[in-house]
PDB file of N, CA and C in Angstrom:
ATOM      1  N   MET A   1       0.854  -1.273   0.045  1.00  0.00           N
ATOM      2  CA  MET A   1       0.057   0.012   0.034  1.00  0.00           C
ATOM      3  C   MET A   1       0.825   1.211  -0.020  1.00  0.00           C
ATOM      4  N   ALA A   2       0.764   2.161  -0.784  1.00  0.00           N
ATOM      5  CA  ALA A   2       1.413   3.280  -0.990  1.00  0.00           C
ATOM      6  C   ALA A   2       1.192   4.324   0.111  1.00  0.00           C
ATOM      7  N   LYS A   3       2.100   5.220   0.541  1.00  0.00           N
ATOM      8  CA  LYS A   3       2.093   6.146   1.506  1.00  0.00           C
ATOM      9  C   LYS A   3       0.646   7.008   1.389  1.00  0.00           C
ATOM     10  N   GLU A   4       0.383   7.337   0.241  1.00  0.00           N
ATOM     11  CA  GLU A   4      -0.829   8.287  -0.048  1.00  0.00           C
ATOM     12  C   GLU A   4      -2.134   7.663   0.049  1.00  0.00           C
ATOM     13  N   GLU A   5      -2.056   6.314  -0.125  1.00  0.00           N
ATOM     14  CA  GLU A   5      -3.470   5.623   0.191  1.00  0.00           C
ATOM     15  C   GLU A   5      -3.699   5.223   1.657  1.00  0.00           C
ATOM     16  N   ARG A   6      -2.873   5.475   2.495  1.00  0.00           N
ATOM     17  CA  ARG A   6      -3.088   5.260   4.102  1.00  0.00           C
ATOM     18  C   ARG A   6      -4.238   6.103   4.325  1.00  0.00           C
ATOM     19  N   SER A   7      -5.142   5.567   5.315  1.00  0.00           N
ATOM     20  CA  SER A   7      -6.113   6.462   5.854  1.00  0.00           C
ATOM     21  C   SER A   7      -5.460   7.190   7.053  1.00  0.00           C
ATOM     22  N   ARG A   8      -5.822   8.397   6.943  1.00  0.00           N
ATOM     23  CA  ARG A   8      -5.343   9.447   8.006  1.00  0.00           C
ATOM     24  C   ARG A   8      -6.394  10.355   8.527  1.00  0.00           C
ATOM     25  N   LYS A   9      -6.347  10.650   9.893  1.00  0.00           N
ATOM     26  CA  LYS A   9      -7.202  11.558  10.439  1.00  0.00           C
ATOM     27  C   LYS A   9      -6.484  12.736  11.037  1.00  0.00           C
ATOM     28  N   GLU A  10      -7.200  13.837  10.912  1.00  0.00           N
ATOM     29  CA  GLU A  10      -6.565  15.047  11.390  1.00  0.00           C
ATOM     30  C   GLU A  10      -6.865  15.291  12.844  1.00  0.00           C
ATOM     31  N   VAL A  11      -5.803  15.773  13.565  1.00  0.00           N
ATOM     32  CA  VAL A  11      -6.063  15.928  15.017  1.00  0.00           C
ATOM     33  C   VAL A  11      -5.312  17.430  15.390  1.00  0.00           C
ATOM     34  N   VAL A  12      -5.576  18.045  16.318  1.00  0.00           N
ATOM     35  CA  VAL A  12      -5.014  19.232  16.951  1.00  0.00           C
ATOM     36  C   VAL A  12      -4.140  19.011  18.117  1.00  0.00           C
ATOM     37  N   ILE A  13      -2.945  19.279  18.156  1.00  0.00           N
ATOM     38  CA  ILE A  13      -2.009  19.275  19.144  1.00  0.00           C
ATOM     39  C   ILE A  13      -1.800  20.597  19.822  1.00  0.00           C
ATOM     40  N   GLU A  14      -1.908  20.799  21.108  1.00  0.00           N
ATOM     41  CA  GLU A  14      -1.700  22.116  21.699  1.00  0.00           C
ATOM     42  C   GLU A  14      -0.321  22.122  22.262  1.00  0.00           C
ATOM     43  N   TYR A  15       0.472  23.240  22.064  1.00  0.00           N
ATOM     44  CA  TYR A  15       1.835  23.334  22.590  1.00  0.00           C
ATOM     45  C   TYR A  15       2.228  24.753  22.831  1.00  0.00           C
ATOM     46  N   SER A  16       2.462  25.030  24.125  1.00  0.00           N
ATOM     47  CA  SER A  16       2.798  26.334  24.491  1.00  0.00           C
ATOM     48  C   SER A  16       2.027  27.367  24.007  1.00  0.00           C
ATOM     49  N   GLY A  17       0.597  27.192  23.996  1.00  0.00           N
ATOM     50  CA  GLY A  17      -0.368  28.230  23.411  1.00  0.00           C
ATOM     51  C   GLY A  17      -0.627  28.216  22.130  1.00  0.00           C
ATOM     52  N   SER A  18       0.097  27.426  21.307  1.00  0.00           N
ATOM     53  CA  SER A  18      -0.118  27.213  19.901  1.00  0.00           C
ATOM     54  C   SER A  18      -0.827  25.976  19.643  1.00  0.00           C
ATOM     55  N   LYS A  19      -1.595  25.909  18.559  1.00  0.00           N
ATOM     56  CA  LYS A  19      -2.357  24.731  18.196  1.00  0.00           C
ATOM     57  C   LYS A  19      -1.700  24.391  16.814  1.00  0.00           C
ATOM     58  N   LEU A  20      -1.255  23.082  16.905  1.00  0.00           N
ATOM     59  CA  LEU A  20      -0.975  22.377  15.257  1.00  0.00           C
ATOM     60  C   LEU A  20      -1.900  21.376  14.908  1.00  0.00           C
ATOM     61  N   ARG A  21      -2.063  21.558  13.634  1.00  0.00           N
ATOM     62  CA  ARG A  21      -3.107  20.529  13.032  1.00  0.00           C
ATOM     63  C   ARG A  21      -2.136  19.640  12.211  1.00  0.00           C
ATOM     64  N   VAL A  22      -2.233  18.316  12.666  1.00  0.00           N
ATOM     65  CA  VAL A  22      -1.362  17.249  12.096  1.00  0.00           C
ATOM     66  C   VAL A  22      -2.224  16.135  11.780  1.00  0.00           C
ATOM     67  N   GLU A  23      -1.689  15.040  11.093  1.00  0.00           N
ATOM     68  CA  GLU A  23      -2.421  13.803  10.728  1.00  0.00           C
ATOM     69  C   GLU A  23      -1.906  12.754  11.824  1.00  0.00           C
ATOM     70  N   VAL A  24      -2.788  11.838  12.098  1.00  0.00           N
ATOM     71  CA  VAL A  24      -2.412  10.495  12.528  1.00  0.00           C
ATOM     72  C   VAL A  24      -2.905   9.368  11.670  1.00  0.00           C
ATOM     73  N   ASP A  25      -1.906   8.536  11.485  1.00  0.00           N
ATOM     74  CA  ASP A  25      -2.249   7.443  10.459  1.00  0.00           C
ATOM     75  C   ASP A  25      -2.968   6.193  11.138  1.00  0.00           C
ATOM     76  N   GLU A  26      -3.456   5.291  10.299  1.00  0.00           N
ATOM     77  CA  GLU A  26      -4.217   4.295  10.897  1.00  0.00           C
ATOM     78  C   GLU A  26      -3.574   3.388  11.962  1.00  0.00           C
ATOM     79  N   LYS A  27      -2.265   3.458  12.220  1.00  0.00           N
ATOM     80  CA  LYS A  27      -1.668   2.713  13.297  1.00  0.00           C
ATOM     81  C   LYS A  27      -1.328   3.560  14.464  1.00  0.00           C
ATOM     82  N   GLY A  28      -1.774   4.969  14.401  1.00  0.00           N
ATOM     83  CA  GLY A  28      -1.721   5.839  15.671  1.00  0.00           C
ATOM     84  C   GLY A  28      -0.382   6.532  15.516  1.00  0.00           C
ATOM     85  N   PHE A  29       0.310   6.538  14.541  1.00  0.00           N
ATOM     86  CA  PHE A  29       1.570   7.405  14.503  1.00  0.00           C
ATOM     87  C   PHE A  29       1.166   8.790  13.930  1.00  0.00           C
ATOM     88  N   TYR A  30       1.792   9.813  14.565  1.00  0.00           N
ATOM     89  CA  TYR A  30       1.719  11.155  14.400  1.00  0.00           C
ATOM     90  C   TYR A  30       2.682  11.405  13.125  1.00  0.00           C
ATOM     91  N   VAL A  31       2.049  12.182  12.085  1.00  0.00           N
ATOM     92  CA  VAL A  31       2.841  12.463  10.712  1.00  0.00           C
ATOM     93  C   VAL A  31       3.290  13.906  10.657  1.00  0.00           C
ATOM     94  N   CYS A  32       4.606  14.106  10.607  1.00  0.00           N
ATOM     95  CA  CYS A  32       5.142  15.325  10.367  1.00  0.00           C
ATOM     96  C   CYS A  32       4.767  16.047   9.173  1.00  0.00           C
ATOM     97  N   PRO A  33       4.004  17.233   9.279  1.00  0.00           N
ATOM     98  CA  PRO A  33       3.500  17.843   8.028  1.00  0.00           C
ATOM     99  C   PRO A  33       4.581  18.267   7.199  1.00  0.00           C
ATOM    100  N   LEU A  34       5.769  18.516   7.524  1.00  0.00           N
ATOM    101  CA  LEU A  34       6.840  18.959   6.762  1.00  0.00           C
ATOM    102  C   LEU A  34       7.535  17.970   5.969  1.00  0.00           C
ATOM    103  N   CYS A  35       7.774  16.885   6.710  1.00  0.00           N
ATOM    104  CA  CYS A  35       8.606  15.737   5.930  1.00  0.00           C
ATOM    105  C   CYS A  35       7.955  14.268   5.911  1.00  0.00           C
ATOM    106  N   GLY A  36       6.960  14.184   6.501  1.00  0.00           N
ATOM    107  CA  GLY A  36       6.242  12.940   6.494  1.00  0.00           C
ATOM    108  C   GLY A  36       6.651  11.915   7.509  1.00  0.00           C
ATOM    109  N   ALA A  37       7.780  12.374   8.424  1.00  0.00           N
ATOM    110  CA  ALA A  37       8.171  11.284   9.341  1.00  0.00           C
ATOM    111  C   ALA A  37       7.117  11.034  10.295  1.00  0.00           C
ATOM    112  N   LEU A  38       7.325   9.729  11.010  1.00  0.00           N
ATOM    113  CA  LEU A  38       6.320   9.259  11.747  1.00  0.00           C
ATOM    114  C   LEU A  38       6.783   9.223  13.199  1.00  0.00           C
ATOM    115  N   PHE A  39       5.911   9.568  14.167  1.00  0.00           N
ATOM    116  CA  PHE A  39       6.388   9.676  15.588  1.00  0.00           C
ATOM    117  C   PHE A  39       5.229   8.998  16.437  1.00  0.00           C
ATOM    118  N   VAL A  40       5.727   8.510  17.533  1.00  0.00           N
ATOM    119  CA  VAL A  40       4.709   7.697  18.477  1.00  0.00           C
ATOM    120  C   VAL A  40       3.873   8.743  19.417  1.00  0.00           C
ATOM    121  N   SER A  41       4.402   9.821  19.850  1.00  0.00           N
ATOM    122  CA  SER A  41       3.692  10.821  20.675  1.00  0.00           C
ATOM    123  C   SER A  41       3.811  12.129  20.046  1.00  0.00           C
ATOM    124  N   PRO A  42       2.748  13.004  20.605  1.00  0.00           N
ATOM    125  CA  PRO A  42       2.618  14.295  20.117  1.00  0.00           C
ATOM    126  C   PRO A  42       3.888  14.928  20.519  1.00  0.00           C
ATOM    127  N   ARG A  43       4.419  14.742  21.635  1.00  0.00           N
ATOM    128  CA  ARG A  43       5.773  15.574  22.207  1.00  0.00           C
ATOM    129  C   ARG A  43       6.954  15.256  21.369  1.00  0.00           C
ATOM    130  N   ASP A  44       7.102  14.103  20.759  1.00  0.00           N
ATOM    131  CA  ASP A  44       8.186  13.863  19.900  1.00  0.00           C
ATOM    132  C   ASP A  44       8.060  14.521  18.573  1.00  0.00           C
ATOM    133  N   LEU A  45       6.743  14.581  17.950  1.00  0.00           N
ATOM    134  CA  LEU A  45       6.532  15.398  16.777  1.00  0.00           C
ATOM    135  C   LEU A  45       6.871  16.854  16.981  1.00  0.00           C
ATOM    136  N   VAL A  46       6.267  17.410  18.120  1.00  0.00           N
ATOM    137  CA  VAL A  46       6.659  18.842  18.257  1.00  0.00           C
ATOM    138  C   VAL A  46       8.185  19.026  18.399  1.00  0.00           C
ATOM    139  N   SER A  47       8.829  18.206  19.198  1.00  0.00           N
ATOM    140  CA  SER A  47      10.270  18.476  19.068  1.00  0.00           C
ATOM    141  C   SER A  47      10.926  18.429  17.820  1.00  0.00           C
ATOM    142  N   HIS A  48      10.382  17.611  17.137  1.00  0.00           N
ATOM    143  CA  HIS A  48      10.909  17.293  15.534  1.00  0.00           C
ATOM    144  C   HIS A  48      10.589  18.459  14.668  1.00  0.00           C
ATOM    145  N   ILE A  49       9.316  19.220  14.861  1.00  0.00           N
ATOM    146  CA  ILE A  49       8.968  20.226  14.171  1.00  0.00           C
ATOM    147  C   ILE A  49       9.822  21.502  14.522  1.00  0.00           C
ATOM    148  N   ILE A  50      10.188  21.623  15.963  1.00  0.00           N
ATOM    149  CA  ILE A  50      11.054  22.592  16.304  1.00  0.00           C
ATOM    150  C   ILE A  50      12.385  22.559  15.686  1.00  0.00           C
ATOM    151  N   GLY A  51      12.928  21.306  15.589  1.00  0.00           N
ATOM    152  CA  GLY A  51      14.177  20.946  14.887  1.00  0.00           C
ATOM    153  C   GLY A  51      14.059  21.551  13.340  1.00  0.00           C
ATOM    154  N   HIS A  52      12.946  21.246  12.724  1.00  0.00           N
ATOM    155  CA  HIS A  52      12.889  21.893  11.443  1.00  0.00           C
ATOM    156  C   HIS A  52      13.028  23.347  11.512  1.00  0.00           C
ATOM    157  N   ALA A  53      12.391  23.990  12.404  1.00  0.00           N
ATOM    158  CA  ALA A  53      12.340  25.412  12.369  1.00  0.00           C
ATOM    159  C   ALA A  53      13.783  26.082  12.816  1.00  0.00           C
ATOM    160  N   LEU A  54      14.611  25.201  13.420  1.00  0.00           N
ATOM    161  CA  LEU A  54      15.822  25.683  13.881  1.00  0.00           C
ATOM    162  C   LEU A  54      16.941  25.295  12.820  1.00  0.00           C
ATOM    163  N   GLY A  55      16.369  24.506  11.769  1.00  0.00           N
ATOM    164  CA  GLY A  55      17.354  24.025  10.528  1.00  0.00           C
ATOM    165  C   GLY A  55      18.236  22.883  11.092  1.00  0.00           C
ATOM    166  N   LEU A  56      17.784  22.038  12.169  1.00  0.00           N
ATOM    167  CA  LEU A  56      18.668  21.187  12.488  1.00  0.00           C
ATOM    168  C   LEU A  56      18.697  19.851  11.631  1.00  0.00           C
ATOM    169  N   PRO A  57      17.537  19.404  10.860  1.00  0.00           N
ATOM    170  CA  PRO A  57      17.784  18.316  10.020  1.00  0.00           C
ATOM    171  C   PRO A  57      18.637  18.636   8.822  1.00  0.00           C
ATOM    172  N   ASP A  58      18.824  19.912   8.546  1.00  0.00           N
ATOM    173  CA  ASP A  58      19.633  20.266   7.331  1.00  0.00           C
ATOM    174  C   ASP A  58      21.142  20.194   7.714  1.00  0.00           C
ATOM    175  N   ASN A  59      21.414  20.450   8.991  1.00  0.00           N
ATOM    176  CA  ASN A  59      22.737  20.304   9.551  1.00  0.00           C
ATOM    177  C   ASN A  59      23.138  19.008  10.250  1.00  0.00           C
ATOM    178  N   ARG A  60      22.444  18.044  10.202  1.00  0.00           N
ATOM    179  CA  ARG A  60      22.770  16.798  10.747  1.00  0.00           C
ATOM    180  C   ARG A  60      23.709  16.046   9.820  1.00  0.00           C
ATOM    181  N   ARG A  61      24.707  15.197  10.634  1.00  0.00           N
ATOM    182  CA  ARG A  61      25.696  14.503   9.957  1.00  0.00           C
ATOM    183  C   ARG A  61      25.000  13.282   9.256  1.00  0.00           C
ATOM    184  N   ALA A  62      25.698  12.865   8.277  1.00  0.00           N
ATOM    185  CA  ALA A  62      25.299  11.703   7.520  1.00  0.00           C
ATOM    186  C   ALA A  62      25.307  10.396   8.388  1.00  0.00           C
ATOM    187  N   SER A  63      24.433   9.308   8.201  1.00  0.00           N
ATOM    188  CA  SER A  63      24.595   8.158   8.808  1.00  0.00           C
ATOM    189  C   SER A  63      25.911   7.507   8.391  1.00  0.00           C
ATOM    190  N   PRO A  64      26.626   6.735   9.359  1.00  0.00           N
ATOM    191  CA  PRO A  64      27.679   6.156   9.178  1.00  0.00           C
ATOM    192  C   PRO A  64      27.529   4.829   8.243  1.00  0.00           C
ATOM    193  N   GLU A  65      28.385   4.566   7.384  1.00  0.00           N
ATOM    194  CA  GLU A  65      28.204   3.404   6.236  1.00  0.00           C
ATOM    195  C   GLU A  65      28.885   2.112   7.112  1.00  0.00           C
ATOM    196  N   ARG A  66      28.275   1.126   6.762  1.00  0.00           N
ATOM    197  CA  ARG A  66      28.610  -0.194   7.332  1.00  0.00           C
ATOM    198  C   ARG A  66      29.541  -0.791   6.273  1.00  0.00           C
ATOM    199  N   PRO A  67      30.682  -1.385   6.755  1.00  0.00           N
ATOM    200  CA  PRO A  67      31.530  -2.154   5.759  1.00  0.00           C
ATOM    201  C   PRO A  67      30.882  -3.519   5.242  1.00  0.00           C
TER     202      PRO A  67
END
């Protein structure tokens, strides 16, 4: 099943006085609206979105290659 075909519902997460509208997939994972990454908790998703705002994903080092 392709990513786009998954059934998702929209939920609202409140964080520090702000409301974020995000999607939850059929397995209960929160979906990042910026990159599509999946998270188990709203707190993890909010931390990830803050990382996007600070530019952290752009500056992260590459994964190590295994021999």
